[in-house]
Amino acid sequence: MSPTAHGAHDFADDPRNADVLIHVNGALVPRAEAVVSVFDAGFVLGDGVWEGIRVHAGHPAFLDLHLDRLWEGAAAIALDIGLTRDQLTGRIYETLRANRMTDGVHIRLMVTRGPKSTPYQDPRFSAGPATVVVIAEHKDPLPATVEKGLSLFTVHVRRASPDTLDPKLNAHSKLNDITACIQASAAGADEALMLDPQGFVATCNSTHFFVVRRGEVWTSSGAYCLGGITRGNVLRVCREASITACEKLFSLTDVYSADEAFVTGTFAGVVPVHTVDGRTIGSGVRGPMVARLQQLYADLVRRDVAARS
């Protein structure tokens, strides 16, 4: 990897994270003691679903949307979470209170099928209830990521179709994205740009991809990408601000000649893209549309947590 390469999830180390308490199956335990069984379905098979959630003013942003996606994913793989939404919400807030966290916090919420009686894929060999873990860390994106942006590299690894591994499923098994990330990293880029099986632009390995062309905001059709919470919220703020935005099929030719490009994700929000496959996008710096969308998205986050308050 190039020494200047970084991804959308890069962050500055915070010494407070060494002593955070982790919520594991109903108990708060020190980070060093936060463990699960080697027979856990998540460890053995990647059998589980998860969510990444940002915290602002003491509240998880867009929590209802994240829980909707978590429950939909669990239903898709016939996984019994074993908790109500209110109970799981309570565990999230308990974790935040125990760590005295209010801002600059990222949560990783993970649910697996739990321990297995033997390391085998059949869900009927599950020996116990679901494993539920809440990890909250003091973690903010690097300012350079949000201001200067990322470089992308188009990889040979394609997005799976729904009849193989549904890309809508936020599963623990991320090997498809990991292999894409490895190729992009080896090419000296920050993240991988991934195509769908027909060769149209789909998404990135850990974020969603957008371009700006002649004042319009384009993103993929959505058929081959995760149902991104931030992606949907950016489309929402575009509608509210009367910015033309559409989900459509487009190719790398459209990307290379775009005026601006950016990616979206829960951790860093809206992040500019300055280079794709060695081509400078637009002026190569954060453009006016990206700057505007960053502000509109930040306003939406504040509105959401204010409503929870």
Protein backbone atom coordinates (compact mmCIF):
# COMPACT_ATOMS: atom_id res chain seq x y z
CA MET A 1 0.00 0.00 0.00
CA SER A 2 1.12 3.53 -0.70
CA PRO A 3 2.21 5.28 2.54
CA THR A 4 -0.36 8.01 1.87
CA ALA A 5 -3.23 5.61 1.18
CA HIS A 6 -6.02 5.42 3.70
CA GLY A 7 -9.62 4.28 3.71
CA ALA A 8 -12.89 5.89 4.69
CA HIS A 9 -12.65 4.17 8.07
CA ASP A 10 -9.25 5.54 9.09
CA PHE A 11 -9.26 7.16 12.52
CA ALA A 12 -6.94 8.65 15.09
CA ASP A 13 -6.10 6.30 17.95
CA ASP A 14 -7.81 7.28 21.20
CA PRO A 15 -6.20 5.94 24.41
CA ARG A 16 -9.62 5.81 26.09
CA ASN A 17 -10.52 2.82 23.92
CA ALA A 18 -8.09 0.61 25.84
CA ASP A 19 -10.43 0.68 28.84
CA VAL A 20 -13.88 0.63 27.25
CA LEU A 21 -16.51 -1.79 28.50
CA ILE A 22 -17.99 -4.16 25.92
CA HIS A 23 -21.54 -5.52 26.16
CA VAL A 24 -21.32 -9.30 25.64
CA ASN A 25 -24.48 -11.38 26.03
CA GLY A 26 -26.04 -9.11 28.62
CA ALA A 27 -22.92 -8.29 30.65
CA LEU A 28 -20.52 -5.36 30.52
CA VAL A 29 -16.93 -6.58 30.55
CA PRO A 30 -13.53 -4.91 30.09
CA ARG A 31 -12.20 -4.90 26.55
CA ALA A 32 -9.46 -7.43 27.35
CA GLU A 33 -12.06 -9.87 28.66
CA ALA A 34 -14.60 -9.43 25.84
CA VAL A 35 -14.48 -12.87 24.22
CA VAL A 36 -16.80 -15.42 22.62
CA SER A 37 -16.45 -19.19 22.21
CA VAL A 38 -14.29 -20.65 19.45
CA PHE A 39 -17.43 -22.66 18.64
CA ASP A 40 -19.44 -19.48 18.01
CA ALA A 41 -21.17 -19.54 14.63
CA GLY A 42 -19.81 -16.09 13.83
CA PHE A 43 -16.22 -17.23 14.36
CA VAL A 44 -16.60 -20.65 12.75
CA LEU A 45 -18.73 -19.67 9.77
CA GLY A 46 -19.33 -15.91 9.60
CA ASP A 47 -22.94 -16.76 10.45
CA GLY A 48 -24.51 -13.55 11.70
CA VAL A 49 -25.57 -9.99 10.99
CA TRP A 50 -24.26 -6.67 12.20
CA GLU A 51 -24.67 -2.89 12.15
CA GLY A 52 -22.31 0.07 12.40
CA ILE A 53 -23.89 3.08 14.14
CA ARG A 54 -22.67 6.61 14.88
CA VAL A 55 -23.47 8.37 18.14
CA HIS A 56 -24.20 12.09 18.38
CA ALA A 57 -25.23 14.03 21.48
CA GLY A 58 -25.53 10.77 23.38
CA HIS A 59 -27.88 9.09 20.91
CA PRO A 60 -27.38 6.52 18.14
CA ALA A 61 -28.17 8.27 14.86
CA PHE A 62 -30.84 6.70 12.64
CA LEU A 63 -31.25 3.86 15.13
CA ASP A 64 -34.66 2.78 13.85
CA LEU A 65 -33.29 2.35 10.32
CA HIS A 66 -30.35 0.33 11.60
CA LEU A 67 -32.57 -1.93 13.69
CA ASP A 68 -34.92 -2.39 10.72
CA ARG A 69 -31.98 -3.61 8.64
CA LEU A 70 -30.69 -5.83 11.45
CA TRP A 71 -34.05 -7.53 11.91
CA GLU A 72 -34.54 -7.92 8.15
CA GLY A 73 -31.13 -9.57 7.85
CA ALA A 74 -31.85 -11.87 10.78
CA ALA A 75 -35.16 -12.88 9.22
CA ALA A 76 -33.41 -13.62 5.92
CA ILE A 77 -31.07 -16.14 7.56
CA ALA A 78 -33.66 -17.47 10.06
CA LEU A 79 -31.71 -16.11 13.02
CA ASP A 80 -33.57 -15.56 16.29
CA ILE A 81 -31.99 -12.50 17.92
CA GLY A 82 -33.64 -13.46 21.19
CA LEU A 83 -34.32 -9.85 22.20
CA THR A 84 -36.95 -7.26 21.43
CA ARG A 85 -35.97 -4.03 19.74
CA ASP A 86 -36.47 -2.20 23.04
CA GLN A 87 -34.23 -4.66 24.88
CA LEU A 88 -31.47 -4.33 22.31
CA THR A 89 -31.82 -0.54 22.35
CA GLY A 90 -31.46 -0.71 26.13
CA ARG A 91 -28.18 -2.58 25.78
CA ILE A 92 -26.85 0.05 23.39
CA TYR A 93 -27.67 2.89 25.78
CA GLU A 94 -26.32 0.91 28.74
CA THR A 95 -23.01 0.56 26.91
CA LEU A 96 -22.88 4.29 26.18
CA ARG A 97 -23.70 5.25 29.77
CA ALA A 98 -21.16 2.81 31.22
CA ASN A 99 -18.43 4.35 29.05
CA ARG A 100 -19.67 7.94 29.51
CA MET A 101 -19.92 8.38 25.77
CA THR A 102 -21.77 11.19 24.02
CA ASP A 103 -20.01 12.29 20.81
CA GLY A 104 -17.31 11.04 18.49
CA VAL A 105 -18.41 7.45 19.07
CA HIS A 106 -18.88 4.52 16.71
CA ILE A 107 -20.84 1.40 17.64
CA ARG A 108 -20.41 -2.07 16.18
CA LEU A 109 -23.52 -4.12 16.97
CA MET A 110 -23.09 -7.82 16.20
CA VAL A 111 -25.47 -10.77 16.39
CA THR A 112 -24.42 -14.32 15.53
CA ARG A 113 -26.27 -17.64 15.70
CA GLY A 114 -24.36 -18.40 18.88
CA PRO A 115 -22.27 -21.40 19.91
CA LYS A 116 -22.33 -24.61 17.87
CA SER A 117 -22.37 -28.12 19.29
CA THR A 118 -19.73 -28.90 16.65
CA PRO A 119 -18.06 -26.70 14.00
CA TYR A 120 -20.44 -27.42 11.12
CA GLN A 121 -22.57 -25.13 8.96
CA ASP A 122 -26.04 -26.64 9.57
CA PRO A 123 -27.96 -24.20 11.82
CA ARG A 124 -29.54 -27.20 13.54
CA PHE A 125 -26.16 -27.80 15.19
CA SER A 126 -26.50 -24.55 17.14
CA ALA A 127 -26.17 -25.28 20.83
CA GLY A 128 -27.32 -22.07 22.41
CA PRO A 129 -28.98 -18.68 22.02
CA ALA A 130 -27.69 -15.92 19.76
CA THR A 131 -24.50 -14.12 20.69
CA VAL A 132 -25.16 -10.37 20.99
CA VAL A 133 -22.24 -7.95 21.30
CA VAL A 134 -22.18 -4.16 21.47
CA ILE A 135 -18.78 -2.51 20.98
CA ALA A 136 -18.67 1.27 21.41
CA GLU A 137 -15.41 3.12 20.73
CA HIS A 138 -14.23 6.70 20.77
CA LYS A 139 -13.65 7.04 17.06
CA ASP A 140 -13.86 9.93 14.60
CA PRO A 141 -12.85 9.98 10.92
CA LEU A 142 -9.62 11.75 10.11
CA PRO A 143 -10.22 15.37 9.00
CA ALA A 144 -8.09 14.74 5.90
CA THR A 145 -10.46 11.96 4.87
CA VAL A 146 -13.50 14.22 4.96
CA GLU A 147 -11.75 17.23 3.42
CA LYS A 148 -9.28 15.83 0.87
CA GLY A 149 -10.99 12.53 0.09
CA LEU A 150 -10.02 9.16 -1.27
CA SER A 151 -8.58 7.42 -4.29
CA LEU A 152 -10.40 4.41 -5.72
CA PHE A 153 -9.29 1.51 -7.89
CA THR A 154 -11.68 -0.63 -9.92
CA VAL A 155 -11.09 -4.26 -8.99
CA HIS A 156 -11.80 -7.50 -10.82
CA VAL A 157 -13.86 -8.79 -7.88
CA ARG A 158 -17.54 -8.38 -8.79
CA ARG A 159 -20.52 -7.94 -6.55
CA ALA A 160 -22.49 -11.12 -6.01
CA SER A 161 -25.98 -11.56 -7.38
CA PRO A 162 -28.93 -12.23 -5.04
CA ASP A 163 -29.05 -15.91 -6.01
CA THR A 164 -25.50 -16.50 -4.73
CA LEU A 165 -25.01 -14.16 -1.75
CA ASP A 166 -27.56 -11.37 -1.57
CA PRO A 167 -25.64 -8.06 -1.39
CA LYS A 168 -28.53 -6.63 0.65
CA LEU A 169 -27.54 -8.89 3.54
CA ASN A 170 -25.21 -7.23 6.04
CA ALA A 171 -23.64 -10.55 6.99
CA HIS A 172 -20.56 -11.27 9.06
CA SER A 173 -18.96 -12.95 6.08
CA LYS A 174 -17.31 -10.06 4.17
CA LEU A 175 -14.76 -12.05 2.16
CA ASN A 176 -16.04 -10.66 -1.15
CA ASP A 177 -15.33 -7.12 0.08
CA ILE A 178 -12.06 -8.12 1.72
CA THR A 179 -10.62 -9.57 -1.48
CA ALA A 180 -11.66 -6.38 -3.29
CA CYS A 181 -9.97 -4.28 -0.60
CA ILE A 182 -6.77 -6.34 -0.91
CA GLN A 183 -6.56 -5.69 -4.64
CA ALA A 184 -7.19 -1.96 -4.25
CA SER A 185 -4.62 -1.73 -1.47
CA ALA A 186 -2.02 -3.53 -3.59
CA ALA A 187 -2.68 -0.97 -6.34
CA GLY A 188 -1.98 1.86 -3.88
CA ALA A 189 -5.59 3.05 -3.65
CA ASP A 190 -7.66 3.79 -0.58
CA GLU A 191 -10.73 1.72 -1.44
CA ALA A 192 -12.04 -0.63 -4.11
CA LEU A 193 -14.65 0.37 -6.65
CA MET A 194 -16.70 -2.72 -7.51
CA LEU A 195 -18.77 -3.47 -10.60
CA ASP A 196 -21.91 -5.54 -10.91
CA PRO A 197 -21.95 -8.79 -12.96
CA GLN A 198 -22.82 -6.80 -16.11
CA GLY A 199 -19.92 -4.37 -15.67
CA PHE A 200 -21.88 -1.37 -14.40
CA VAL A 201 -20.69 0.54 -11.34
CA ALA A 202 -22.13 -0.96 -8.16
CA THR A 203 -20.47 0.15 -4.92
CA CYS A 204 -17.20 0.21 -2.97
CA ASN A 205 -15.86 -2.45 -0.65
CA SER A 206 -16.98 -0.61 2.50
CA THR A 207 -18.89 2.46 1.28
CA HIS A 208 -21.40 3.48 -1.38
CA PHE A 209 -20.36 5.37 -4.49
CA PHE A 210 -21.85 8.49 -6.12
CA VAL A 211 -20.91 10.79 -8.98
CA VAL A 212 -22.00 14.34 -9.76
CA ARG A 213 -22.61 15.18 -13.42
CA ARG A 214 -23.97 18.54 -14.62
CA GLY A 215 -25.57 19.27 -11.26
CA GLU A 216 -27.15 15.83 -10.93
CA VAL A 217 -26.24 13.25 -8.29
CA TRP A 218 -26.03 9.65 -9.54
CA THR A 219 -25.62 6.41 -7.66
CA SER A 220 -25.99 2.80 -8.73
CA SER A 221 -29.33 1.10 -9.29
CA GLY A 222 -28.95 -0.43 -5.84
CA ALA A 223 -29.47 -3.95 -7.15
CA TYR A 224 -25.96 -5.08 -6.22
CA CYS A 225 -25.18 -3.13 -3.08
CA LEU A 226 -26.12 -3.14 0.58
CA GLY A 227 -29.16 -1.09 1.47
CA GLY A 228 -26.96 1.66 2.91
CA ILE A 229 -28.46 3.85 5.62
CA THR A 230 -26.24 6.83 4.75
CA ARG A 231 -26.77 6.21 1.03
CA GLY A 232 -30.53 6.43 1.55
CA ASN A 233 -30.18 9.51 3.72
CA VAL A 234 -28.11 11.31 1.08
CA LEU A 235 -30.81 10.59 -1.49
CA ARG A 236 -33.31 11.92 1.05
CA VAL A 237 -31.50 15.23 1.63
CA CYS A 238 -31.15 15.64 -2.13
CA ARG A 239 -34.93 15.37 -2.49
CA GLU A 240 -35.48 17.81 0.37
CA ALA A 241 -33.04 20.32 -1.16
CA SER A 242 -34.47 19.91 -4.70
CA ILE A 243 -31.21 18.42 -5.95
CA THR A 244 -31.79 16.01 -8.82
CA ALA A 245 -30.64 12.59 -7.65
CA CYS A 246 -31.21 9.22 -9.26
CA GLU A 247 -30.41 5.55 -8.91
CA LYS A 248 -29.38 4.24 -12.31
CA LEU A 249 -27.02 2.07 -14.33
CA PHE A 250 -23.83 3.85 -15.36
CA SER A 251 -20.37 2.82 -16.44
CA LEU A 252 -16.77 3.75 -15.69
CA THR A 253 -16.86 6.07 -18.71
CA ASP A 254 -19.43 8.16 -16.83
CA VAL A 255 -17.24 8.08 -13.73
CA TYR A 256 -14.03 9.25 -15.38
CA SER A 257 -15.73 12.33 -16.86
CA ALA A 258 -17.74 13.22 -13.74
CA ASP A 259 -17.56 16.69 -12.22
CA GLU A 260 -17.32 15.28 -8.69
CA ALA A 261 -17.46 11.93 -6.95
CA PHE A 262 -17.95 10.84 -3.37
CA VAL A 263 -18.65 7.87 -1.14
CA THR A 264 -21.03 7.50 1.79
CA GLY A 265 -20.91 5.42 4.93
CA THR A 266 -22.05 5.45 8.53
CA PHE A 267 -18.60 6.11 9.95
CA ALA A 268 -17.41 9.10 7.91
CA GLY A 269 -20.68 10.29 6.34
CA VAL A 270 -20.02 11.94 2.96
CA VAL A 271 -16.41 11.70 1.73
CA PRO A 272 -15.06 13.15 -1.55
CA VAL A 273 -13.26 11.02 -4.13
CA HIS A 274 -10.41 12.74 -5.94
CA THR A 275 -9.09 9.91 -8.12
CA VAL A 276 -10.48 6.78 -9.77
CA ASP A 277 -8.12 4.39 -11.58
CA GLY A 278 -5.49 7.12 -11.84
CA ARG A 279 -7.93 9.62 -13.40
CA THR A 280 -8.45 12.87 -11.52
CA ILE A 281 -12.13 13.50 -10.96
CA GLY A 282 -13.14 17.08 -11.68
CA SER A 283 -10.67 19.51 -10.16
CA GLY A 284 -9.24 16.84 -7.87
CA VAL A 285 -10.44 18.58 -4.72
CA ARG A 286 -13.67 18.58 -2.76
CA GLY A 287 -16.28 20.17 -5.01
CA PRO A 288 -19.24 22.41 -4.17
CA MET A 289 -21.85 19.64 -4.37
CA VAL A 290 -19.95 17.37 -2.00
CA ALA A 291 -19.42 20.25 0.45
CA ARG A 292 -23.13 21.05 0.30
CA LEU A 293 -24.15 17.43 0.83
CA GLN A 294 -21.80 17.11 3.79
CA GLN A 295 -23.60 20.02 5.44
CA LEU A 296 -27.07 18.75 4.54
CA TYR A 297 -26.25 15.31 5.91
CA ALA A 298 -24.83 16.75 9.15
CA ASP A 299 -28.05 18.74 9.56
CA LEU A 300 -30.10 15.57 9.07
CA VAL A 301 -28.08 13.77 11.75
CA ARG A 302 -28.77 16.60 14.19
CA ARG A 303 -32.47 16.50 13.39
CA ASP A 304 -32.62 12.77 13.96
CA VAL A 305 -30.91 12.76 17.35
CA ALA A 306 -32.92 15.81 18.44
CA ALA A 307 -36.07 13.80 17.77
CA ARG A 308 -34.73 10.93 19.92
CA SER A 309 -33.91 13.36 22.70
